[in-house]
Amino acid sequence: MQSQPHGLSEQPYHQQQQPQPSYPNQSSYPGQDEVPPGLPPRRTATEMALPTGQDRSHQIEVMQSYEAAGRKDDDDDNVEVLQREFPKIDGSLIAAIYGDTKSLSATREMLGELE
């Protein structure tokens, strides 16, 4: 690396600042089209298919009440029983085995062999 004499004040080219020309109507974000005033923003097809306003509020309430109800069927109950009987075995494995057989006794037998 060569050292420059102290008297030189030249800067490398990439550090020199040159005035940038300004153009009228130039967007500060290149590639973005400006939306004319008075028009709503464009919506995608997915957004157009989703409910809005009161319909959306109603849909959210229905989903929340459905989730809060926590519907359970016999299969869920059986998996919970098996998880209590076999605490050392991962619950997702128990659920998968039970889901294949749909038989409490057959699943117990398989889980007994795994323990």
PDB file of N, CA and C in Angstrom:
ATOM      1  N   MET A   1       0.849  -1.173   0.000  1.00  0.00           N
ATOM      2  CA  MET A   1       0.000   0.000   0.000  1.00  0.00           C
ATOM      3  C   MET A   1       0.891   1.232   0.000  1.00  0.00           C
ATOM      4  N   GLN A   2       0.593   2.190  -0.884  1.00  0.00           N
ATOM      5  CA  GLN A   2       1.407   3.391  -0.971  1.00  0.00           C
ATOM      6  C   GLN A   2       0.767   4.489  -0.138  1.00  0.00           C
ATOM      7  N   SER A   3       1.621   5.261   0.524  1.00  0.00           N
ATOM      8  CA  SER A   3       1.072   6.365   1.313  1.00  0.00           C
ATOM      9  C   SER A   3       1.153   7.638   0.494  1.00  0.00           C
ATOM     10  N   GLN A   4       0.147   8.502   0.655  1.00  0.00           N
ATOM     11  CA  GLN A   4       0.105   9.740  -0.092  1.00  0.00           C
ATOM     12  C   GLN A   4       0.751  10.830   0.752  1.00  0.00           C
ATOM     13  N   PRO A   5       1.386  11.792   0.097  1.00  0.00           N
ATOM     14  CA  PRO A   5       1.941  12.919   0.851  1.00  0.00           C
ATOM     15  C   PRO A   5       0.812  13.675   1.538  1.00  0.00           C
ATOM     16  N   HIS A   6       1.150  14.289   2.681  1.00  0.00           N
ATOM     17  CA  HIS A   6       0.134  14.974   3.486  1.00  0.00           C
ATOM     18  C   HIS A   6      -0.490  16.160   2.774  1.00  0.00           C
ATOM     19  N   GLY A   7       0.170  16.748   1.797  1.00  0.00           N
ATOM     20  CA  GLY A   7      -0.330  17.945   1.138  1.00  0.00           C
ATOM     21  C   GLY A   7      -1.460  17.685   0.163  1.00  0.00           C
ATOM     22  N   LEU A   8      -1.680  16.425  -0.283  1.00  0.00           N
ATOM     23  CA  LEU A   8      -2.714  16.152  -1.276  1.00  0.00           C
ATOM     24  C   LEU A   8      -4.072  16.006  -0.607  1.00  0.00           C
ATOM     25  N   SER A   9      -5.064  16.622  -1.203  1.00  0.00           N
ATOM     26  CA  SER A   9      -6.412  16.513  -0.646  1.00  0.00           C
ATOM     27  C   SER A   9      -7.359  15.838  -1.637  1.00  0.00           C
ATOM     28  N   GLU A  10      -6.802  15.062  -2.563  1.00  0.00           N
ATOM     29  CA  GLU A  10      -7.648  14.370  -3.534  1.00  0.00           C
ATOM     30  C   GLU A  10      -8.387  13.238  -2.843  1.00  0.00           C
ATOM     31  N   GLN A  11      -9.645  13.096  -3.210  1.00  0.00           N
ATOM     32  CA  GLN A  11     -10.438  11.999  -2.681  1.00  0.00           C
ATOM     33  C   GLN A  11     -10.612  10.968  -3.788  1.00  0.00           C
ATOM     34  N   PRO A  12     -10.731   9.712  -3.423  1.00  0.00           N
ATOM     35  CA  PRO A  12     -11.020   8.710  -4.454  1.00  0.00           C
ATOM     36  C   PRO A  12     -12.336   9.062  -5.145  1.00  0.00           C
ATOM     37  N   TYR A  13     -12.500   8.583  -6.373  1.00  0.00           N
ATOM     38  CA  TYR A  13     -13.651   8.945  -7.202  1.00  0.00           C
ATOM     39  C   TYR A  13     -14.978   8.645  -6.513  1.00  0.00           C
ATOM     40  N   HIS A  14     -15.073   7.490  -5.829  1.00  0.00           N
ATOM     41  CA  HIS A  14     -16.355   7.099  -5.244  1.00  0.00           C
ATOM     42  C   HIS A  14     -16.748   7.966  -4.056  1.00  0.00           C
ATOM     43  N   GLN A  15     -15.847   8.780  -3.558  1.00  0.00           N
ATOM     44  CA  GLN A  15     -16.185   9.645  -2.440  1.00  0.00           C
ATOM     45  C   GLN A  15     -16.522  11.062  -2.887  1.00  0.00           C
ATOM     46  N   GLN A  16     -16.256  11.388  -4.155  1.00  0.00           N
ATOM     47  CA  GLN A  16     -16.566  12.728  -4.638  1.00  0.00           C
ATOM     48  C   GLN A  16     -18.073  12.857  -4.801  1.00  0.00           C
ATOM     49  N   GLN A  17     -18.589  13.969  -4.355  1.00  0.00           N
ATOM     50  CA  GLN A  17     -20.021  14.183  -4.462  1.00  0.00           C
ATOM     51  C   GLN A  17     -20.316  15.062  -5.658  1.00  0.00           C
ATOM     52  N   GLN A  18     -21.258  14.629  -6.455  1.00  0.00           N
ATOM     53  CA  GLN A  18     -21.679  15.405  -7.597  1.00  0.00           C
ATOM     54  C   GLN A  18     -23.168  15.671  -7.450  1.00  0.00           C
ATOM     55  N   PRO A  19     -23.597  16.833  -7.850  1.00  0.00           N
ATOM     56  CA  PRO A  19     -25.023  17.146  -7.701  1.00  0.00           C
ATOM     57  C   PRO A  19     -25.872  16.205  -8.545  1.00  0.00           C
ATOM     58  N   GLN A  20     -26.973  15.772  -7.966  1.00  0.00           N
ATOM     59  CA  GLN A  20     -27.898  14.892  -8.662  1.00  0.00           C
ATOM     60  C   GLN A  20     -28.980  15.739  -9.313  1.00  0.00           C
ATOM     61  N   PRO A  21     -29.261  15.514 -10.575  1.00  0.00           N
ATOM     62  CA  PRO A  21     -30.327  16.302 -11.221  1.00  0.00           C
ATOM     63  C   PRO A  21     -31.682  15.890 -10.651  1.00  0.00           C
ATOM     64  N   SER A  22     -32.556  16.845 -10.508  1.00  0.00           N
ATOM     65  CA  SER A  22     -33.895  16.509 -10.025  1.00  0.00           C
ATOM     66  C   SER A  22     -34.872  16.659 -11.176  1.00  0.00           C
ATOM     67  N   TYR A  23     -35.786  15.708 -11.256  1.00  0.00           N
ATOM     68  CA  TYR A  23     -36.763  15.693 -12.316  1.00  0.00           C
ATOM     69  C   TYR A  23     -38.145  15.881 -11.720  1.00  0.00           C
ATOM     70  N   PRO A  24     -38.979  16.674 -12.351  1.00  0.00           N
ATOM     71  CA  PRO A  24     -40.345  16.827 -11.823  1.00  0.00           C
ATOM     72  C   PRO A  24     -41.112  15.519 -11.958  1.00  0.00           C
ATOM     73  N   ASN A  25     -42.030  15.292 -11.038  1.00  0.00           N
ATOM     74  CA  ASN A  25     -42.890  14.103 -11.012  1.00  0.00           C
ATOM     75  C   ASN A  25     -42.108  12.805 -10.835  1.00  0.00           C
ATOM     76  N   GLN A  26     -40.920  12.887 -10.267  1.00  0.00           N
ATOM     77  CA  GLN A  26     -40.137  11.682 -10.045  1.00  0.00           C
ATOM     78  C   GLN A  26     -40.559  11.081  -8.708  1.00  0.00           C
ATOM     79  N   SER A  27     -40.939   9.821  -8.711  1.00  0.00           N
ATOM     80  CA  SER A  27     -41.378   9.146  -7.499  1.00  0.00           C
ATOM     81  C   SER A  27     -40.173   8.856  -6.616  1.00  0.00           C
ATOM     82  N   SER A  28     -40.367   8.970  -5.303  1.00  0.00           N
ATOM     83  CA  SER A  28     -39.262   8.671  -4.397  1.00  0.00           C
ATOM     84  C   SER A  28     -39.040   7.172  -4.257  1.00  0.00           C
ATOM     85  N   TYR A  29     -39.998   6.379  -4.722  1.00  0.00           N
ATOM     86  CA  TYR A  29     -39.866   4.924  -4.701  1.00  0.00           C
ATOM     87  C   TYR A  29     -39.953   4.428  -6.133  1.00  0.00           C
ATOM     88  N   PRO A  30     -38.819   4.118  -6.738  1.00  0.00           N
ATOM     89  CA  PRO A  30     -38.843   3.682  -8.130  1.00  0.00           C
ATOM     90  C   PRO A  30     -39.671   2.416  -8.298  1.00  0.00           C
ATOM     91  N   GLY A  31     -40.414   2.343  -9.383  1.00  0.00           N
ATOM     92  CA  GLY A  31     -41.171   1.145  -9.670  1.00  0.00           C
ATOM     93  C   GLY A  31     -42.564   1.146  -9.075  1.00  0.00           C
ATOM     94  N   GLN A  32     -42.895   2.125  -8.259  1.00  0.00           N
ATOM     95  CA  GLN A  32     -44.234   2.178  -7.678  1.00  0.00           C
ATOM     96  C   GLN A  32     -45.062   3.215  -8.414  1.00  0.00           C
ATOM     97  N   ASP A  33     -46.224   2.810  -8.819  1.00  0.00           N
ATOM     98  CA  ASP A  33     -47.122   3.745  -9.487  1.00  0.00           C
ATOM     99  C   ASP A  33     -47.905   4.497  -8.428  1.00  0.00           C
ATOM    100  N   GLU A  34     -48.090   5.757  -8.665  1.00  0.00           N
ATOM    101  CA  GLU A  34     -48.879   6.534  -7.732  1.00  0.00           C
ATOM    102  C   GLU A  34     -50.356   6.321  -8.036  1.00  0.00           C
ATOM    103  N   VAL A  35     -51.175   6.172  -6.988  1.00  0.00           N
ATOM    104  CA  VAL A  35     -52.604   5.999  -7.162  1.00  0.00           C
ATOM    105  C   VAL A  35     -53.225   7.382  -7.279  1.00  0.00           C
ATOM    106  N   PRO A  36     -53.995   7.611  -8.317  1.00  0.00           N
ATOM    107  CA  PRO A  36     -54.625   8.924  -8.448  1.00  0.00           C
ATOM    108  C   PRO A  36     -55.542   9.185  -7.249  1.00  0.00           C
ATOM    109  N   PRO A  37     -55.624  10.432  -6.818  1.00  0.00           N
ATOM    110  CA  PRO A  37     -56.475  10.722  -5.667  1.00  0.00           C
ATOM    111  C   PRO A  37     -57.933  10.398  -5.983  1.00  0.00           C
ATOM    112  N   GLY A  38     -58.623   9.902  -4.984  1.00  0.00           N
ATOM    113  CA  GLY A  38     -60.027   9.595  -5.151  1.00  0.00           C
ATOM    114  C   GLY A  38     -60.308   8.144  -5.501  1.00  0.00           C
ATOM    115  N   LEU A  39     -59.305   7.388  -5.927  1.00  0.00           N
ATOM    116  CA  LEU A  39     -59.505   5.979  -6.238  1.00  0.00           C
ATOM    117  C   LEU A  39     -59.049   5.133  -5.059  1.00  0.00           C
ATOM    118  N   PRO A  40     -59.801   4.073  -4.726  1.00  0.00           N
ATOM    119  CA  PRO A  40     -59.364   3.201  -3.628  1.00  0.00           C
ATOM    120  C   PRO A  40     -58.134   2.400  -4.055  1.00  0.00           C
ATOM    121  N   PRO A  41     -57.333   1.957  -3.102  1.00  0.00           N
ATOM    122  CA  PRO A  41     -56.165   1.150  -3.470  1.00  0.00           C
ATOM    123  C   PRO A  41     -56.615  -0.156  -4.107  1.00  0.00           C
ATOM    124  N   ARG A  42     -55.797  -0.672  -4.995  1.00  0.00           N
ATOM    125  CA  ARG A  42     -56.132  -1.921  -5.678  1.00  0.00           C
ATOM    126  C   ARG A  42     -56.111  -3.076  -4.692  1.00  0.00           C
ATOM    127  N   ARG A  43     -57.046  -4.006  -4.876  1.00  0.00           N
ATOM    128  CA  ARG A  43     -57.120  -5.189  -4.025  1.00  0.00           C
ATOM    129  C   ARG A  43     -56.781  -6.417  -4.857  1.00  0.00           C
ATOM    130  N   THR A  44     -56.074  -7.354  -4.254  1.00  0.00           N
ATOM    131  CA  THR A  44     -55.750  -8.590  -4.953  1.00  0.00           C
ATOM    132  C   THR A  44     -56.991  -9.466  -5.012  1.00  0.00           C
ATOM    133  N   ALA A  45     -56.925 -10.517  -5.807  1.00  0.00           N
ATOM    134  CA  ALA A  45     -58.066 -11.431  -5.928  1.00  0.00           C
ATOM    135  C   ALA A  45     -58.388 -12.073  -4.582  1.00  0.00           C
ATOM    136  N   THR A  46     -57.360 -12.398  -3.817  1.00  0.00           N
ATOM    137  CA  THR A  46     -57.580 -12.992  -2.499  1.00  0.00           C
ATOM    138  C   THR A  46     -58.289 -12.014  -1.578  1.00  0.00           C
ATOM    139  N   GLU A  47     -57.841 -10.777  -1.581  1.00  0.00           N
ATOM    140  CA  GLU A  47     -58.475  -9.774  -0.736  1.00  0.00           C
ATOM    141  C   GLU A  47     -59.919  -9.541  -1.143  1.00  0.00           C
ATOM    142  N   MET A  48     -60.195  -9.625  -2.440  1.00  0.00           N
ATOM    143  CA  MET A  48     -61.555  -9.406  -2.914  1.00  0.00           C
ATOM    144  C   MET A  48     -62.471 -10.560  -2.506  1.00  0.00           C
ATOM    145  N   ALA A  49     -61.924 -11.766  -2.369  1.00  0.00           N
ATOM    146  CA  ALA A  49     -62.727 -12.923  -1.987  1.00  0.00           C
ATOM    147  C   ALA A  49     -63.041 -12.935  -0.491  1.00  0.00           C
ATOM    148  N   LEU A  50     -62.227 -12.273   0.309  1.00  0.00           N
ATOM    149  CA  LEU A  50     -62.445 -12.259   1.752  1.00  0.00           C
ATOM    150  C   LEU A  50     -63.538 -11.273   2.122  1.00  0.00           C
ATOM    151  N   PRO A  51     -64.295 -11.593   3.160  1.00  0.00           N
ATOM    152  CA  PRO A  51     -65.353 -10.667   3.576  1.00  0.00           C
ATOM    153  C   PRO A  51     -64.765  -9.403   4.187  1.00  0.00           C
ATOM    154  N   THR A  52     -65.535  -8.335   4.114  1.00  0.00           N
ATOM    155  CA  THR A  52     -65.088  -7.071   4.689  1.00  0.00           C
ATOM    156  C   THR A  52     -66.196  -6.514   5.573  1.00  0.00           C
ATOM    157  N   GLY A  53     -65.852  -5.535   6.380  1.00  0.00           N
ATOM    158  CA  GLY A  53     -66.820  -4.820   7.202  1.00  0.00           C
ATOM    159  C   GLY A  53     -67.584  -5.725   8.145  1.00  0.00           C
ATOM    160  N   GLN A  54     -68.911  -5.610   8.127  1.00  0.00           N
ATOM    161  CA  GLN A  54     -69.784  -6.360   9.036  1.00  0.00           C
ATOM    162  C   GLN A  54     -69.657  -7.863   8.800  1.00  0.00           C
ATOM    163  N   ASP A  55     -69.540  -8.281   7.530  1.00  0.00           N
ATOM    164  CA  ASP A  55     -69.399  -9.705   7.231  1.00  0.00           C
ATOM    165  C   ASP A  55     -68.139 -10.273   7.867  1.00  0.00           C
ATOM    166  N   ARG A  56     -67.060  -9.509   7.813  1.00  0.00           N
ATOM    167  CA  ARG A  56     -65.800  -9.964   8.399  1.00  0.00           C
ATOM    168  C   ARG A  56     -65.926 -10.076   9.917  1.00  0.00           C
ATOM    169  N   SER A  57     -66.545  -9.109  10.527  1.00  0.00           N
ATOM    170  CA  SER A  57     -66.744  -9.148  11.983  1.00  0.00           C
ATOM    171  C   SER A  57     -67.550 -10.378  12.384  1.00  0.00           C
ATOM    172  N   HIS A  58     -68.603 -10.651  11.622  1.00  0.00           N
ATOM    173  CA  HIS A  58     -69.437 -11.816  11.919  1.00  0.00           C
ATOM    174  C   HIS A  58     -68.635 -13.109  11.771  1.00  0.00           C
ATOM    175  N   GLN A  59     -67.834 -13.188  10.709  1.00  0.00           N
ATOM    176  CA  GLN A  59     -67.041 -14.401  10.481  1.00  0.00           C
ATOM    177  C   GLN A  59     -66.042 -14.620  11.613  1.00  0.00           C
ATOM    178  N   ILE A  60     -65.416 -13.547  12.078  1.00  0.00           N
ATOM    179  CA  ILE A  60     -64.451 -13.668  13.174  1.00  0.00           C
ATOM    180  C   ILE A  60     -65.148 -14.162  14.442  1.00  0.00           C
ATOM    181  N   GLU A  61     -66.333 -13.628  14.727  1.00  0.00           N
ATOM    182  CA  GLU A  61     -67.079 -14.060  15.914  1.00  0.00           C
ATOM    183  C   GLU A  61     -67.438 -15.539  15.835  1.00  0.00           C
ATOM    184  N   VAL A  62     -67.869 -15.985  14.663  1.00  0.00           N
ATOM    185  CA  VAL A  62     -68.232 -17.393  14.487  1.00  0.00           C
ATOM    186  C   VAL A  62     -67.014 -18.287  14.706  1.00  0.00           C
ATOM    187  N   MET A  63     -65.870 -17.902  14.127  1.00  0.00           N
ATOM    188  CA  MET A  63     -64.652 -18.706  14.289  1.00  0.00           C
ATOM    189  C   MET A  63     -64.198 -18.741  15.750  1.00  0.00           C
ATOM    190  N   GLN A  64     -64.281 -17.605  16.434  1.00  0.00           N
ATOM    191  CA  GLN A  64     -63.870 -17.576  17.839  1.00  0.00           C
ATOM    192  C   GLN A  64     -64.777 -18.437  18.700  1.00  0.00           C
ATOM    193  N   SER A  65     -66.057 -18.407  18.441  1.00  0.00           N
ATOM    194  CA  SER A  65     -66.958 -19.241  19.245  1.00  0.00           C
ATOM    195  C   SER A  65     -66.734 -20.722  18.940  1.00  0.00           C
ATOM    196  N   TYR A  66     -66.438 -21.046  17.694  1.00  0.00           N
ATOM    197  CA  TYR A  66     -66.152 -22.435  17.322  1.00  0.00           C
ATOM    198  C   TYR A  66     -64.898 -22.929  18.049  1.00  0.00           C
ATOM    199  N   GLU A  67     -63.848 -22.104  18.040  1.00  0.00           N
ATOM    200  CA  GLU A  67     -62.606 -22.485  18.715  1.00  0.00           C
ATOM    201  C   GLU A  67     -62.799 -22.577  20.219  1.00  0.00           C
ATOM    202  N   ALA A  68     -63.602 -21.677  20.787  1.00  0.00           N
ATOM    203  CA  ALA A  68     -63.829 -21.682  22.238  1.00  0.00           C
ATOM    204  C   ALA A  68     -64.621 -22.913  22.669  1.00  0.00           C
ATOM    205  N   ALA A  69     -65.500 -23.389  21.801  1.00  0.00           N
ATOM    206  CA  ALA A  69     -66.309 -24.558  22.143  1.00  0.00           C
ATOM    207  C   ALA A  69     -65.434 -25.795  22.298  1.00  0.00           C
ATOM    208  N   GLY A  70     -64.330 -25.843  21.576  1.00  0.00           N
ATOM    209  CA  GLY A  70     -63.387 -26.960  21.704  1.00  0.00           C
ATOM    210  C   GLY A  70     -64.039 -28.308  21.460  1.00  0.00           C
ATOM    211  N   ARG A  71     -64.667 -28.446  20.305  1.00  0.00           N
ATOM    212  CA  ARG A  71     -65.343 -29.698  19.995  1.00  0.00           C
ATOM    213  C   ARG A  71     -64.383 -30.867  20.131  1.00  0.00           C
ATOM    214  N   LYS A  72     -64.822 -31.901  20.801  1.00  0.00           N
ATOM    215  CA  LYS A  72     -64.028 -33.120  20.946  1.00  0.00           C
ATOM    216  C   LYS A  72     -64.890 -34.292  20.529  1.00  0.00           C
ATOM    217  N   ASP A  73     -64.250 -35.248  19.918  1.00  0.00           N
ATOM    218  CA  ASP A  73     -64.976 -36.466  19.596  1.00  0.00           C
ATOM    219  C   ASP A  73     -64.343 -37.634  20.346  1.00  0.00           C
ATOM    220  N   ASP A  74     -64.845 -38.811  20.104  1.00  0.00           N
ATOM    221  CA  ASP A  74     -64.336 -39.994  20.808  1.00  0.00           C
ATOM    222  C   ASP A  74     -62.867 -40.246  20.488  1.00  0.00           C
ATOM    223  N   ASP A  75     -62.456 -39.956  19.263  1.00  0.00           N
ATOM    224  CA  ASP A  75     -61.058 -40.177  18.893  1.00  0.00           C
ATOM    225  C   ASP A  75     -60.128 -39.310  19.737  1.00  0.00           C
ATOM    226  N   ASP A  76     -60.501 -38.035  19.933  1.00  0.00           N
ATOM    227  CA  ASP A  76     -59.680 -37.150  20.773  1.00  0.00           C
ATOM    228  C   ASP A  76     -59.605 -37.679  22.205  1.00  0.00           C
ATOM    229  N   ASP A  77     -60.743 -38.138  22.722  1.00  0.00           N
ATOM    230  CA  ASP A  77     -60.769 -38.683  24.079  1.00  0.00           C
ATOM    231  C   ASP A  77     -59.881 -39.922  24.189  1.00  0.00           C
ATOM    232  N   ASN A  78     -59.946 -40.799  23.189  1.00  0.00           N
ATOM    233  CA  ASN A  78     -59.136 -42.021  23.209  1.00  0.00           C
ATOM    234  C   ASN A  78     -57.644 -41.705  23.157  1.00  0.00           C
ATOM    235  N   VAL A  79     -57.257 -40.729  22.351  1.00  0.00           N
ATOM    236  CA  VAL A  79     -55.844 -40.341  22.256  1.00  0.00           C
ATOM    237  C   VAL A  79     -55.372 -39.790  23.601  1.00  0.00           C
ATOM    238  N   GLU A  80     -56.216 -38.991  24.259  1.00  0.00           N
ATOM    239  CA  GLU A  80     -55.840 -38.462  25.575  1.00  0.00           C
ATOM    240  C   GLU A  80     -55.656 -39.581  26.593  1.00  0.00           C
ATOM    241  N   VAL A  81     -56.529 -40.583  26.572  1.00  0.00           N
ATOM    242  CA  VAL A  81     -56.404 -41.735  27.474  1.00  0.00           C
ATOM    243  C   VAL A  81     -55.086 -42.457  27.214  1.00  0.00           C
ATOM    244  N   LEU A  82     -54.772 -42.673  25.942  1.00  0.00           N
ATOM    245  CA  LEU A  82     -53.527 -43.368  25.585  1.00  0.00           C
ATOM    246  C   LEU A  82     -52.301 -42.550  25.998  1.00  0.00           C
ATOM    247  N   GLN A  83     -52.377 -41.225  25.870  1.00  0.00           N
ATOM    248  CA  GLN A  83     -51.245 -40.386  26.273  1.00  0.00           C
ATOM    249  C   GLN A  83     -51.015 -40.465  27.778  1.00  0.00           C
ATOM    250  N   ARG A  84     -52.080 -40.588  28.552  1.00  0.00           N
ATOM    251  CA  ARG A  84     -51.915 -40.746  30.007  1.00  0.00           C
ATOM    252  C   ARG A  84     -51.354 -42.128  30.341  1.00  0.00           C
ATOM    253  N   GLU A  85     -51.758 -43.149  29.587  1.00  0.00           N
ATOM    254  CA  GLU A  85     -51.276 -44.511  29.842  1.00  0.00           C
ATOM    255  C   GLU A  85     -49.822 -44.706  29.406  1.00  0.00           C
ATOM    256  N   PHE A  86     -49.388 -43.957  28.403  1.00  0.00           N
ATOM    257  CA  PHE A  86     -48.032 -44.092  27.874  1.00  0.00           C
ATOM    258  C   PHE A  86     -47.344 -42.722  27.857  1.00  0.00           C
ATOM    259  N   PRO A  87     -47.000 -42.180  29.026  1.00  0.00           N
ATOM    260  CA  PRO A  87     -46.435 -40.823  29.082  1.00  0.00           C
ATOM    261  C   PRO A  87     -45.041 -40.690  28.469  1.00  0.00           C
ATOM    262  N   LYS A  88     -44.321 -41.787  28.321  1.00  0.00           N
ATOM    263  CA  LYS A  88     -42.964 -41.720  27.777  1.00  0.00           C
ATOM    264  C   LYS A  88     -42.961 -41.636  26.250  1.00  0.00           C
ATOM    265  N   ILE A  89     -44.084 -41.922  25.636  1.00  0.00           N
ATOM    266  CA  ILE A  89     -44.167 -41.914  24.170  1.00  0.00           C
ATOM    267  C   ILE A  89     -44.766 -40.582  23.716  1.00  0.00           C
ATOM    268  N   ASP A  90     -44.191 -40.034  22.663  1.00  0.00           N
ATOM    269  CA  ASP A  90     -44.626 -38.733  22.131  1.00  0.00           C
ATOM    270  C   ASP A  90     -46.103 -38.777  21.726  1.00  0.00           C
ATOM    271  N   GLY A  91     -46.813 -37.718  22.101  1.00  0.00           N
ATOM    272  CA  GLY A  91     -48.246 -37.645  21.831  1.00  0.00           C
ATOM    273  C   GLY A  91     -48.593 -37.674  20.357  1.00  0.00           C
ATOM    274  N   SER A  92     -47.742 -37.066  19.529  1.00  0.00           N
ATOM    275  CA  SER A  92     -48.043 -37.071  18.094  1.00  0.00           C
ATOM    276  C   SER A  92     -47.900 -38.474  17.507  1.00  0.00           C
ATOM    277  N   LEU A  93     -46.982 -39.273  18.045  1.00  0.00           N
ATOM    278  CA  LEU A  93     -46.844 -40.655  17.588  1.00  0.00           C
ATOM    279  C   LEU A  93     -48.066 -41.467  18.007  1.00  0.00           C
ATOM    280  N   ILE A  94     -48.514 -41.247  19.237  1.00  0.00           N
ATOM    281  CA  ILE A  94     -49.718 -41.939  19.718  1.00  0.00           C
ATOM    282  C   ILE A  94     -50.905 -41.586  18.826  1.00  0.00           C
ATOM    283  N   ALA A  95     -51.065 -40.302  18.530  1.00  0.00           N
ATOM    284  CA  ALA A  95     -52.185 -39.870  17.694  1.00  0.00           C
ATOM    285  C   ALA A  95     -52.088 -40.461  16.291  1.00  0.00           C
ATOM    286  N   ALA A  96     -50.881 -40.549  15.752  1.00  0.00           N
ATOM    287  CA  ALA A  96     -50.705 -41.108  14.402  1.00  0.00           C
ATOM    288  C   ALA A  96     -51.049 -42.597  14.373  1.00  0.00           C
ATOM    289  N   ILE A  97     -50.584 -43.324  15.362  1.00  0.00           N
ATOM    290  CA  ILE A  97     -50.874 -44.766  15.401  1.00  0.00           C
ATOM    291  C   ILE A  97     -52.368 -44.990  15.586  1.00  0.00           C
ATOM    292  N   TYR A  98     -52.965 -44.247  16.506  1.00  0.00           N
ATOM    293  CA  TYR A  98     -54.403 -44.398  16.724  1.00  0.00           C
ATOM    294  C   TYR A  98     -55.182 -43.985  15.470  1.00  0.00           C
ATOM    295  N   GLY A  99     -54.736 -42.946  14.786  1.00  0.00           N
ATOM    296  CA  GLY A  99     -55.408 -42.494  13.575  1.00  0.00           C
ATOM    297  C   GLY A  99     -55.395 -43.548  12.482  1.00  0.00           C
ATOM    298  N   ASP A 100     -54.334 -44.359  12.433  1.00  0.00           N
ATOM    299  CA  ASP A 100     -54.262 -45.426  11.428  1.00  0.00           C
ATOM    300  C   ASP A 100     -55.189 -46.584  11.768  1.00  0.00           C
ATOM    301  N   THR A 101     -55.222 -46.956  13.043  1.00  0.00           N
ATOM    302  CA  THR A 101     -55.975 -48.153  13.419  1.00  0.00           C
ATOM    303  C   THR A 101     -57.408 -47.853  13.829  1.00  0.00           C
ATOM    304  N   LYS A 102     -57.639 -46.690  14.435  1.00  0.00           N
ATOM    305  CA  LYS A 102     -58.951 -46.328  14.999  1.00  0.00           C
ATOM    306  C   LYS A 102     -59.426 -47.375  16.007  1.00  0.00           C
ATOM    307  N   SER A 103     -58.461 -48.085  16.574  1.00  0.00           N
ATOM    308  CA  SER A 103     -58.778 -49.125  17.549  1.00  0.00           C
ATOM    309  C   SER A 103     -57.961 -48.872  18.806  1.00  0.00           C
ATOM    310  N   LEU A 104     -58.672 -48.699  19.934  1.00  0.00           N
ATOM    311  CA  LEU A 104     -57.999 -48.438  21.194  1.00  0.00           C
ATOM    312  C   LEU A 104     -57.137 -49.630  21.610  1.00  0.00           C
ATOM    313  N   SER A 105     -57.658 -50.843  21.475  1.00  0.00           N
ATOM    314  CA  SER A 105     -56.904 -52.029  21.910  1.00  0.00           C
ATOM    315  C   SER A 105     -55.694 -52.285  21.010  1.00  0.00           C
ATOM    316  N   ALA A 106     -55.843 -52.116  19.695  1.00  0.00           N
ATOM    317  CA  ALA A 106     -54.722 -52.338  18.782  1.00  0.00           C
ATOM    318  C   ALA A 106     -53.625 -51.304  19.020  1.00  0.00           C
ATOM    319  N   THR A 107     -54.019 -50.070  19.291  1.00  0.00           N
ATOM    320  CA  THR A 107     -53.031 -49.020  19.557  1.00  0.00           C
ATOM    321  C   THR A 107     -52.314 -49.285  20.866  1.00  0.00           C
ATOM    322  N   ARG A 108     -53.065 -49.715  21.883  1.00  0.00           N
ATOM    323  CA  ARG A 108     -52.427 -50.066  23.171  1.00  0.00           C
ATOM    324  C   ARG A 108     -51.387 -51.168  22.979  1.00  0.00           C
ATOM    325  N   GLU A 109     -51.727 -52.157  22.175  1.00  0.00           N
ATOM    326  CA  GLU A 109     -50.804 -53.272  21.946  1.00  0.00           C
ATOM    327  C   GLU A 109     -49.521 -52.777  21.269  1.00  0.00           C
ATOM    328  N   MET A 110     -49.670 -51.926  20.251  1.00  0.00           N
ATOM    329  CA  MET A 110     -48.478 -51.401  19.556  1.00  0.00           C
ATOM    330  C   MET A 110     -47.648 -50.531  20.482  1.00  0.00           C
ATOM    331  N   LEU A 111     -48.292 -49.686  21.244  1.00  0.00           N
ATOM    332  CA  LEU A 111     -47.559 -48.803  22.150  1.00  0.00           C
ATOM    333  C   LEU A 111     -46.871 -49.603  23.254  1.00  0.00           C
ATOM    334  N   GLY A 112     -47.493 -50.683  23.688  1.00  0.00           N
ATOM    335  CA  GLY A 112     -46.873 -51.563  24.675  1.00  0.00           C
ATOM    336  C   GLY A 112     -45.590 -52.167  24.140  1.00  0.00           C
ATOM    337  N   GLU A 113     -45.572 -52.513  22.846  1.00  0.00           N
ATOM    338  CA  GLU A 113     -44.366 -53.071  22.225  1.00  0.00           C
ATOM    339  C   GLU A 113     -43.276 -52.001  22.100  1.00  0.00           C
ATOM    340  N   LEU A 114     -43.670 -50.739  21.911  1.00  0.00           N
ATOM    341  CA  LEU A 114     -42.688 -49.674  21.767  1.00  0.00           C
ATOM    342  C   LEU A 114     -42.033 -49.299  23.091  1.00  0.00           C
ATOM    343  N   GLU A 115     -42.756 -49.482  24.198  1.00  0.00           N
ATOM    344  CA  GLU A 115     -42.214 -49.069  25.497  1.00  0.00           C
ATOM    345  C   GLU A 115     -41.067 -49.906  25.956  1.00  0.00           C
TER     346      GLU A 115
END
